[in-house]
């Protein structure tokens, strides 16, 4: 089973990627400055459309060869998804998602509207 994480990067540190298992394909799209990390990055010249633009760009360019599981995240996803690395490394952790419908899983740590 092929797993890929697609990361929309602007200016955050990406050292957390080192914690991903070797079987996870890492695709990094950088907007803003030229690529500057130790990881291979695809530079998107125009910083338009925020991270959603990056995710749709990836889907359109790779539609015929998408991985079985593709995770779309920002460069520092942990304020939204604290156990991201655990879930990507071990798909058994998909049960920790906050939204699950038709093979799509949603993860979010915010407690909007809670006391």
C-alpha atoms as a PDB file:
ATOM      1  CA  UNK A   1       0.000   0.000   0.000  1.00  0.00           C
ATOM      2  CA  UNK A   2       1.467   3.327  -1.112  1.00  0.00           C
ATOM      3  CA  UNK A   3       1.413   6.255   1.360  1.00  0.00           C
ATOM      4  CA  UNK A   4       2.328   9.833   0.502  1.00  0.00           C
ATOM      5  CA  UNK A   5       2.368  13.083   2.415  1.00  0.00           C
ATOM      6  CA  UNK A   6       2.010  16.291   0.412  1.00  0.00           C
ATOM      7  CA  UNK A   7       3.272  19.342   2.281  1.00  0.00           C
ATOM      8  CA  UNK A   8       2.536  22.950   1.391  1.00  0.00           C
ATOM      9  CA  UNK A   9       5.537  24.913   2.680  1.00  0.00           C
ATOM     10  CA  UNK A  10       6.149  28.597   3.153  1.00  0.00           C
ATOM     11  CA  UNK A  11       8.634  29.231   5.953  1.00  0.00           C
ATOM     12  CA  UNK A  12       8.466  26.593   8.716  1.00  0.00           C
ATOM     13  CA  UNK A  13      11.136  24.133   9.829  1.00  0.00           C
ATOM     14  CA  UNK A  14      10.636  20.690   8.255  1.00  0.00           C
ATOM     15  CA  UNK A  15      12.826  18.596  10.540  1.00  0.00           C
ATOM     16  CA  UNK A  16       9.708  16.720  11.713  1.00  0.00           C
ATOM     17  CA  UNK A  17       9.745  14.893   8.367  1.00  0.00           C
ATOM     18  CA  UNK A  18      12.672  12.827   9.673  1.00  0.00           C
ATOM     19  CA  UNK A  19      10.193  11.055  11.997  1.00  0.00           C
ATOM     20  CA  UNK A  20       8.218   9.615   9.051  1.00  0.00           C
ATOM     21  CA  UNK A  21       8.825   5.992   8.082  1.00  0.00           C
ATOM     22  CA  UNK A  22      10.956   5.311   5.022  1.00  0.00           C
ATOM     23  CA  UNK A  23       7.993   3.840   3.124  1.00  0.00           C
ATOM     24  CA  UNK A  24       6.190   7.221   3.127  1.00  0.00           C
ATOM     25  CA  UNK A  25       6.633   9.241  -0.064  1.00  0.00           C
ATOM     26  CA  UNK A  26       7.252  12.891   0.863  1.00  0.00           C
ATOM     27  CA  UNK A  27       6.290  15.553  -1.683  1.00  0.00           C
ATOM     28  CA  UNK A  28       7.057  19.144  -0.725  1.00  0.00           C
ATOM     29  CA  UNK A  29       5.767  22.195  -2.560  1.00  0.00           C
ATOM     30  CA  UNK A  30       7.359  25.489  -1.505  1.00  0.00           C
ATOM     31  CA  UNK A  31       5.822  28.891  -2.059  1.00  0.00           C
ATOM     32  CA  UNK A  32       7.720  32.000  -1.103  1.00  0.00           C
ATOM     33  CA  UNK A  33      11.514  31.798  -1.030  1.00  0.00           C
ATOM     34  CA  UNK A  34      13.443  29.364  -3.184  1.00  0.00           C
ATOM     35  CA  UNK A  35      13.824  25.831  -1.784  1.00  0.00           C
ATOM     36  CA  UNK A  36      16.089  25.890   1.235  1.00  0.00           C
ATOM     37  CA  UNK A  37      15.709  22.696   3.241  1.00  0.00           C
ATOM     38  CA  UNK A  38      17.665  19.454   3.017  1.00  0.00           C
ATOM     39  CA  UNK A  39      14.613  17.802   1.434  1.00  0.00           C
ATOM     40  CA  UNK A  40      13.775  17.818  -2.261  1.00  0.00           C
ATOM     41  CA  UNK A  41      11.214  20.550  -2.891  1.00  0.00           C
ATOM     42  CA  UNK A  42       9.101  21.599  -5.852  1.00  0.00           C
ATOM     43  CA  UNK A  43       9.121  25.383  -6.060  1.00  0.00           C
ATOM     44  CA  UNK A  44       5.840  27.049  -7.035  1.00  0.00           C
ATOM     45  CA  UNK A  45       6.782  30.487  -8.261  1.00  0.00           C
ATOM     46  CA  UNK A  46       3.594  32.318  -7.436  1.00  0.00           C
ATOM     47  CA  UNK A  47       2.381  32.361  -3.855  1.00  0.00           C
ATOM     48  CA  UNK A  48      -1.318  32.248  -4.697  1.00  0.00           C
ATOM     49  CA  UNK A  49      -4.282  30.283  -3.407  1.00  0.00           C
ATOM     50  CA  UNK A  50      -2.825  29.325  -0.051  1.00  0.00           C
ATOM     51  CA  UNK A  51      -2.292  25.643   0.777  1.00  0.00           C
ATOM     52  CA  UNK A  52      -5.507  24.472  -0.916  1.00  0.00           C
ATOM     53  CA  UNK A  53      -4.129  25.666  -4.263  1.00  0.00           C
ATOM     54  CA  UNK A  54      -1.063  23.511  -3.658  1.00  0.00           C
ATOM     55  CA  UNK A  55      -3.138  20.442  -2.823  1.00  0.00           C
ATOM     56  CA  UNK A  56      -5.329  20.773  -5.916  1.00  0.00           C
ATOM     57  CA  UNK A  57      -2.226  21.378  -8.030  1.00  0.00           C
ATOM     58  CA  UNK A  58      -0.827  18.071  -6.783  1.00  0.00           C
ATOM     59  CA  UNK A  59      -4.069  16.194  -7.446  1.00  0.00           C
ATOM     60  CA  UNK A  60      -4.397  17.551 -10.994  1.00  0.00           C
ATOM     61  CA  UNK A  61      -0.735  16.901 -11.887  1.00  0.00           C
ATOM     62  CA  UNK A  62      -0.728  13.394 -10.388  1.00  0.00           C
ATOM     63  CA  UNK A  63      -4.311  12.231 -10.796  1.00  0.00           C
ATOM     64  CA  UNK A  64      -3.462   9.015 -12.638  1.00  0.00           C
ATOM     65  CA  UNK A  65      -0.785   7.999 -10.107  1.00  0.00           C
ATOM     66  CA  UNK A  66      -2.077   9.124  -6.702  1.00  0.00           C
ATOM     67  CA  UNK A  67      -1.026   6.997  -3.753  1.00  0.00           C
ATOM     68  CA  UNK A  68      -3.467   4.697  -1.979  1.00  0.00           C
ATOM     69  CA  UNK A  69      -3.349   7.110   0.977  1.00  0.00           C
ATOM     70  CA  UNK A  70      -2.402  10.747   0.396  1.00  0.00           C
ATOM     71  CA  UNK A  71      -2.123  13.096   3.361  1.00  0.00           C
ATOM     72  CA  UNK A  72      -2.281  16.844   2.650  1.00  0.00           C
ATOM     73  CA  UNK A  73      -0.743  19.094   5.312  1.00  0.00           C
ATOM     74  CA  UNK A  74       0.748  22.504   5.934  1.00  0.00           C
ATOM     75  CA  UNK A  75       4.420  22.951   6.811  1.00  0.00           C
ATOM     76  CA  UNK A  76       3.651  22.894  10.554  1.00  0.00           C
ATOM     77  CA  UNK A  77       0.478  20.810  10.903  1.00  0.00           C
ATOM     78  CA  UNK A  78       0.720  19.974  14.601  1.00  0.00           C
ATOM     79  CA  UNK A  79      -1.500  22.761  15.902  1.00  0.00           C
ATOM     80  CA  UNK A  80      -4.291  21.165  13.830  1.00  0.00           C
ATOM     81  CA  UNK A  81      -3.221  17.527  13.893  1.00  0.00           C
ATOM     82  CA  UNK A  82      -1.097  16.563  16.875  1.00  0.00           C
ATOM     83  CA  UNK A  83      -0.596  12.864  16.049  1.00  0.00           C
ATOM     84  CA  UNK A  84       0.043  13.326  12.314  1.00  0.00           C
ATOM     85  CA  UNK A  85       3.313  11.390  12.244  1.00  0.00           C
ATOM     86  CA  UNK A  86       1.775   8.470  14.157  1.00  0.00           C
ATOM     87  CA  UNK A  87      -1.175   8.256  11.764  1.00  0.00           C
ATOM     88  CA  UNK A  88       0.935   8.482   8.599  1.00  0.00           C
ATOM     89  CA  UNK A  89       3.400   5.891   9.894  1.00  0.00           C
ATOM     90  CA  UNK A  90       0.689   3.500  11.118  1.00  0.00           C
ATOM     91  CA  UNK A  91      -2.644   3.523   9.301  1.00  0.00           C
ATOM     92  CA  UNK A  92      -4.228   1.690  12.248  1.00  0.00           C
ATOM     93  CA  UNK A  93      -4.288   5.151  13.866  1.00  0.00           C
ATOM     94  CA  UNK A  94      -6.849   6.379  11.318  1.00  0.00           C
ATOM     95  CA  UNK A  95      -9.446   5.605  13.978  1.00  0.00           C
ATOM     96  CA  UNK A  96      -8.315   8.763  15.826  1.00  0.00           C
ATOM     97  CA  UNK A  97      -9.783  10.984  13.091  1.00  0.00           C
ATOM     98  CA  UNK A  98     -12.524  13.476  13.896  1.00  0.00           C
ATOM     99  CA  UNK A  99     -14.338  12.993  10.569  1.00  0.00           C
ATOM    100  CA  UNK A 100     -14.700   9.876   8.432  1.00  0.00           C
ATOM    101  CA  UNK A 101     -16.882   9.585   5.351  1.00  0.00           C
ATOM    102  CA  UNK A 102     -16.467   7.526   2.199  1.00  0.00           C
ATOM    103  CA  UNK A 103     -12.741   6.906   2.620  1.00  0.00           C
ATOM    104  CA  UNK A 104     -11.954  10.522   3.495  1.00  0.00           C
ATOM    105  CA  UNK A 105     -10.579  11.198   6.970  1.00  0.00           C
ATOM    106  CA  UNK A 106     -10.513  14.529   8.765  1.00  0.00           C
ATOM    107  CA  UNK A 107      -8.229  15.445  11.646  1.00  0.00           C
ATOM    108  CA  UNK A 108      -8.439  18.609  13.690  1.00  0.00           C
ATOM    109  CA  UNK A 109      -7.434  19.370  17.269  1.00  0.00           C
ATOM    110  CA  UNK A 110      -9.381  22.604  17.694  1.00  0.00           C
ATOM    111  CA  UNK A 111     -12.341  22.439  20.054  1.00  0.00           C
ATOM    112  CA  UNK A 112     -14.469  25.064  18.306  1.00  0.00           C
ATOM    113  CA  UNK A 113     -17.462  26.050  20.382  1.00  0.00           C
ATOM    114  CA  UNK A 114     -16.513  23.949  23.405  1.00  0.00           C
ATOM    115  CA  UNK A 115     -16.332  25.369  26.906  1.00  0.00           C
END
